[in-house]
Amino acid sequence: MDITRCPKCNKRLIAVTDRGRTELKCPKCDEIDPMKTEAAKWADSPLVPPMRAA
């Protein structure tokens, strides 16, 4: 059994952080908006150049 797929609809599960806990949830069955997840917030952050070692 593949734990990265929803047992109901077979869609790929996404990691969702809620109150400090990260769980795998189905965006379709659990009605999760992928654009409101932590990954979307991280992707929307401004780009900065990497820091160089001194």
PDB file of N, CA and C in Angstrom:
ATOM      1  N   MET A   1       0.839  -1.194   0.000  1.00  0.00           N
ATOM      2  CA  MET A   1       0.000   0.000   0.000  1.00  0.00           C
ATOM      3  C   MET A   1       0.879   1.250   0.000  1.00  0.00           C
ATOM      4  N   ASP A   2       0.555   2.188  -0.839  1.00  0.00           N
ATOM      5  CA  ASP A   2       1.323   3.427  -0.979  1.00  0.00           C
ATOM      6  C   ASP A   2       0.730   4.487  -0.057  1.00  0.00           C
ATOM      7  N   ILE A   3       1.514   4.973   0.911  1.00  0.00           N
ATOM      8  CA  ILE A   3       0.975   5.955   1.859  1.00  0.00           C
ATOM      9  C   ILE A   3       1.020   7.384   1.322  1.00  0.00           C
ATOM     10  N   THR A   4       1.523   7.559   0.094  1.00  0.00           N
ATOM     11  CA  THR A   4       1.549   8.901  -0.479  1.00  0.00           C
ATOM     12  C   THR A   4       0.335   9.178  -1.356  1.00  0.00           C
ATOM     13  N   ARG A   5      -0.594   8.239  -1.414  1.00  0.00           N
ATOM     14  CA  ARG A   5      -1.817   8.385  -2.202  1.00  0.00           C
ATOM     15  C   ARG A   5      -3.030   8.253  -1.303  1.00  0.00           C
ATOM     16  N   CYS A   6      -4.082   8.986  -1.620  1.00  0.00           N
ATOM     17  CA  CYS A   6      -5.331   8.934  -0.863  1.00  0.00           C
ATOM     18  C   CYS A   6      -6.004   7.577  -1.082  1.00  0.00           C
ATOM     19  N   PRO A   7      -6.431   6.917   0.005  1.00  0.00           N
ATOM     20  CA  PRO A   7      -7.097   5.627  -0.176  1.00  0.00           C
ATOM     21  C   PRO A   7      -8.478   5.738  -0.833  1.00  0.00           C
ATOM     22  N   LYS A   8      -9.092   6.931  -0.797  1.00  0.00           N
ATOM     23  CA  LYS A   8     -10.424   7.115  -1.384  1.00  0.00           C
ATOM     24  C   LYS A   8     -10.358   7.426  -2.875  1.00  0.00           C
ATOM     25  N   CYS A   9      -9.545   8.449  -3.233  1.00  0.00           N
ATOM     26  CA  CYS A   9      -9.552   8.923  -4.622  1.00  0.00           C
ATOM     27  C   CYS A   9      -8.239   8.680  -5.367  1.00  0.00           C
ATOM     28  N   ASN A  10      -7.206   8.194  -4.687  1.00  0.00           N
ATOM     29  CA  ASN A  10      -5.899   7.881  -5.257  1.00  0.00           C
ATOM     30  C   ASN A  10      -5.108   9.108  -5.704  1.00  0.00           C
ATOM     31  N   LYS A  11      -5.506  10.299  -5.264  1.00  0.00           N
ATOM     32  CA  LYS A  11      -4.722  11.505  -5.557  1.00  0.00           C
ATOM     33  C   LYS A  11      -3.508  11.544  -4.628  1.00  0.00           C
ATOM     34  N   ARG A  12      -2.455  12.236  -5.055  1.00  0.00           N
ATOM     35  CA  ARG A  12      -1.248  12.358  -4.244  1.00  0.00           C
ATOM     36  C   ARG A  12      -1.526  13.225  -3.016  1.00  0.00           C
ATOM     37  N   LEU A  13      -1.062  12.772  -1.844  1.00  0.00           N
ATOM     38  CA  LEU A  13      -1.242  13.518  -0.599  1.00  0.00           C
ATOM     39  C   LEU A  13      -0.212  14.635  -0.514  1.00  0.00           C
ATOM     40  N   ILE A  14      -0.569  15.719   0.185  1.00  0.00           N
ATOM     41  CA  ILE A  14       0.354  16.824   0.398  1.00  0.00           C
ATOM     42  C   ILE A  14       0.570  16.995   1.893  1.00  0.00           C
ATOM     43  N   ALA A  15       1.744  17.503   2.264  1.00  0.00           N
ATOM     44  CA  ALA A  15       2.055  17.749   3.669  1.00  0.00           C
ATOM     45  C   ALA A  15       1.411  19.057   4.100  1.00  0.00           C
ATOM     46  N   VAL A  16       0.664  19.007   5.190  1.00  0.00           N
ATOM     47  CA  VAL A  16      -0.024  20.180   5.712  1.00  0.00           C
ATOM     48  C   VAL A  16       0.377  20.349   7.175  1.00  0.00           C
ATOM     49  N   THR A  17       0.844  21.554   7.543  1.00  0.00           N
ATOM     50  CA  THR A  17       1.229  21.839   8.916  1.00  0.00           C
ATOM     51  C   THR A  17       0.112  22.617   9.581  1.00  0.00           C
ATOM     52  N   ASP A  18      -0.339  22.086  10.718  1.00  0.00           N
ATOM     53  CA  ASP A  18      -1.400  22.732  11.473  1.00  0.00           C
ATOM     54  C   ASP A  18      -1.068  22.638  12.954  1.00  0.00           C
ATOM     55  N   ARG A  19      -0.928  23.766  13.600  1.00  0.00           N
ATOM     56  CA  ARG A  19      -0.609  23.836  15.029  1.00  0.00           C
ATOM     57  C   ARG A  19       0.635  23.037  15.392  1.00  0.00           C
ATOM     58  N   GLY A  20       1.665  23.155  14.567  1.00  0.00           N
ATOM     59  CA  GLY A  20       2.931  22.502  14.839  1.00  0.00           C
ATOM     60  C   GLY A  20       3.030  21.049  14.413  1.00  0.00           C
ATOM     61  N   ARG A  21       1.957  20.467  13.913  1.00  0.00           N
ATOM     62  CA  ARG A  21       1.969  19.074  13.456  1.00  0.00           C
ATOM     63  C   ARG A  21       1.887  19.037  11.943  1.00  0.00           C
ATOM     64  N   THR A  22       2.666  18.168  11.337  1.00  0.00           N
ATOM     65  CA  THR A  22       2.628  17.990   9.894  1.00  0.00           C
ATOM     66  C   THR A  22       1.959  16.656   9.590  1.00  0.00           C
ATOM     67  N   GLU A  23       0.942  16.707   8.745  1.00  0.00           N
ATOM     68  CA  GLU A  23       0.204  15.506   8.365  1.00  0.00           C
ATOM     69  C   GLU A  23       0.071  15.464   6.853  1.00  0.00           C
ATOM     70  N   LEU A  24      -0.065  14.267   6.311  1.00  0.00           N
ATOM     71  CA  LEU A  24      -0.349  14.103   4.890  1.00  0.00           C
ATOM     72  C   LEU A  24      -1.859  14.108   4.709  1.00  0.00           C
ATOM     73  N   LYS A  25      -2.345  15.004   3.836  1.00  0.00           N
ATOM     74  CA  LYS A  25      -3.783  15.109   3.596  1.00  0.00           C
ATOM     75  C   LYS A  25      -4.058  15.173   2.103  1.00  0.00           C
ATOM     76  N   CYS A  26      -5.263  14.769   1.736  1.00  0.00           N
ATOM     77  CA  CYS A  26      -5.683  14.795   0.343  1.00  0.00           C
ATOM     78  C   CYS A  26      -6.289  16.166   0.021  1.00  0.00           C
ATOM     79  N   PRO A  27      -5.797  16.838  -1.018  1.00  0.00           N
ATOM     80  CA  PRO A  27      -6.360  18.156  -1.344  1.00  0.00           C
ATOM     81  C   PRO A  27      -7.812  18.082  -1.808  1.00  0.00           C
ATOM     82  N   LYS A  28      -8.235  16.942  -2.339  1.00  0.00           N
ATOM     83  CA  LYS A  28      -9.613  16.796  -2.823  1.00  0.00           C
ATOM     84  C   LYS A  28     -10.552  16.366  -1.700  1.00  0.00           C
ATOM     85  N   CYS A  29     -10.250  15.261  -1.052  1.00  0.00           N
ATOM     86  CA  CYS A  29     -11.145  14.707  -0.026  1.00  0.00           C
ATOM     87  C   CYS A  29     -11.168  15.540   1.253  1.00  0.00           C
ATOM     88  N   ASP A  30     -10.026  16.122   1.632  1.00  0.00           N
ATOM     89  CA  ASP A  30      -9.954  16.936   2.850  1.00  0.00           C
ATOM     90  C   ASP A  30     -10.226  18.411   2.564  1.00  0.00           C
ATOM     91  N   GLU A  31     -10.520  18.733   1.299  1.00  0.00           N
ATOM     92  CA  GLU A  31     -10.839  20.097   0.861  1.00  0.00           C
ATOM     93  C   GLU A  31      -9.776  21.100   1.300  1.00  0.00           C
ATOM     94  N   ILE A  32      -8.535  20.846   0.868  1.00  0.00           N
ATOM     95  CA  ILE A  32      -7.406  21.709   1.204  1.00  0.00           C
ATOM     96  C   ILE A  32      -7.038  22.527  -0.023  1.00  0.00           C
ATOM     97  N   ASP A  33      -6.861  23.821   0.180  1.00  0.00           N
ATOM     98  CA  ASP A  33      -6.423  24.699  -0.895  1.00  0.00           C
ATOM     99  C   ASP A  33      -4.897  24.705  -0.902  1.00  0.00           C
ATOM    100  N   PRO A  34      -4.246  24.135  -1.918  1.00  0.00           N
ATOM    101  CA  PRO A  34      -2.787  24.078  -1.937  1.00  0.00           C
ATOM    102  C   PRO A  34      -2.119  25.447  -1.907  1.00  0.00           C
ATOM    103  N   MET A  35      -2.822  26.487  -2.340  1.00  0.00           N
ATOM    104  CA  MET A  35      -2.230  27.822  -2.334  1.00  0.00           C
ATOM    105  C   MET A  35      -2.211  28.459  -0.948  1.00  0.00           C
ATOM    106  N   LYS A  36      -2.825  27.826   0.029  1.00  0.00           N
ATOM    107  CA  LYS A  36      -2.821  28.350   1.396  1.00  0.00           C
ATOM    108  C   LYS A  36      -1.943  27.513   2.325  1.00  0.00           C
ATOM    109  N   THR A  37      -1.141  26.619   1.772  1.00  0.00           N
ATOM    110  CA  THR A  37      -0.266  25.786   2.578  1.00  0.00           C
ATOM    111  C   THR A  37       1.045  26.510   2.867  1.00  0.00           C
ATOM    112  N   GLU A  38       1.840  25.946   3.753  1.00  0.00           N
ATOM    113  CA  GLU A  38       3.138  26.530   4.091  1.00  0.00           C
ATOM    114  C   GLU A  38       4.064  26.568   2.879  1.00  0.00           C
ATOM    115  N   ALA A  39       3.990  25.567   2.025  1.00  0.00           N
ATOM    116  CA  ALA A  39       4.842  25.529   0.839  1.00  0.00           C
ATOM    117  C   ALA A  39       4.545  26.707  -0.084  1.00  0.00           C
ATOM    118  N   ALA A  40       3.299  27.082  -0.203  1.00  0.00           N
ATOM    119  CA  ALA A  40       2.937  28.210  -1.063  1.00  0.00           C
ATOM    120  C   ALA A  40       3.446  29.515  -0.463  1.00  0.00           C
ATOM    121  N   LYS A  41       3.402  29.645   0.845  1.00  0.00           N
ATOM    122  CA  LYS A  41       3.922  30.853   1.504  1.00  0.00           C
ATOM    123  C   LYS A  41       5.426  30.955   1.300  1.00  0.00           C
ATOM    124  N   TRP A  42       6.123  29.816   1.408  1.00  0.00           N
ATOM    125  CA  TRP A  42       7.571  29.806   1.214  1.00  0.00           C
ATOM    126  C   TRP A  42       7.914  30.168  -0.226  1.00  0.00           C
ATOM    127  N   ALA A  43       7.175  29.630  -1.180  1.00  0.00           N
ATOM    128  CA  ALA A  43       7.445  29.897  -2.589  1.00  0.00           C
ATOM    129  C   ALA A  43       7.160  31.350  -2.948  1.00  0.00           C
ATOM    130  N   ASP A  44       6.274  31.995  -2.213  1.00  0.00           N
ATOM    131  CA  ASP A  44       5.912  33.376  -2.495  1.00  0.00           C
ATOM    132  C   ASP A  44       6.866  34.371  -1.835  1.00  0.00           C
ATOM    133  N   SER A  45       7.823  33.897  -1.030  1.00  0.00           N
ATOM    134  CA  SER A  45       8.748  34.800  -0.340  1.00  0.00           C
ATOM    135  C   SER A  45       9.746  35.377  -1.349  1.00  0.00           C
ATOM    136  N   PRO A  46      10.321  36.540  -1.043  1.00  0.00           N
ATOM    137  CA  PRO A  46      11.251  37.156  -1.987  1.00  0.00           C
ATOM    138  C   PRO A  46      12.549  36.354  -2.098  1.00  0.00           C
ATOM    139  N   LEU A  47      13.136  36.425  -3.280  1.00  0.00           N
ATOM    140  CA  LEU A  47      14.416  35.735  -3.507  1.00  0.00           C
ATOM    141  C   LEU A  47      15.554  36.573  -2.969  1.00  0.00           C
ATOM    142  N   VAL A  48      16.497  35.930  -2.340  1.00  0.00           N
ATOM    143  CA  VAL A  48      17.697  36.624  -1.839  1.00  0.00           C
ATOM    144  C   VAL A  48      18.907  35.821  -2.296  1.00  0.00           C
ATOM    145  N   PRO A  49      20.013  36.506  -2.539  1.00  0.00           N
ATOM    146  CA  PRO A  49      21.212  35.776  -2.958  1.00  0.00           C
ATOM    147  C   PRO A  49      21.750  34.934  -1.807  1.00  0.00           C
ATOM    148  N   PRO A  50      22.425  33.834  -2.103  1.00  0.00           N
ATOM    149  CA  PRO A  50      22.987  33.002  -1.040  1.00  0.00           C
ATOM    150  C   PRO A  50      24.099  33.733  -0.307  1.00  0.00           C
ATOM    151  N   MET A  51      24.228  33.431   0.972  1.00  0.00           N
ATOM    152  CA  MET A  51      25.290  34.054   1.775  1.00  0.00           C
ATOM    153  C   MET A  51      26.600  33.329   1.485  1.00  0.00           C
ATOM    154  N   ARG A  52      27.668  34.077   1.354  1.00  0.00           N
ATOM    155  CA  ARG A  52      28.982  33.488   1.080  1.00  0.00           C
ATOM    156  C   ARG A  52      29.716  33.252   2.389  1.00  0.00           C
ATOM    157  N   ALA A  53      30.451  32.162   2.422  1.00  0.00           N
ATOM    158  CA  ALA A  53      31.258  31.868   3.606  1.00  0.00           C
ATOM    159  C   ALA A  53      32.452  32.811   3.628  1.00  0.00           C
ATOM    160  N   ALA A  54      32.786  33.290   4.797  1.00  0.00           N
ATOM    161  CA  ALA A  54      33.895  34.257   4.907  1.00  0.00           C
ATOM    162  C   ALA A  54      35.229  33.576   4.949  1.00  0.00           C
TER     163      ALA A  54
END
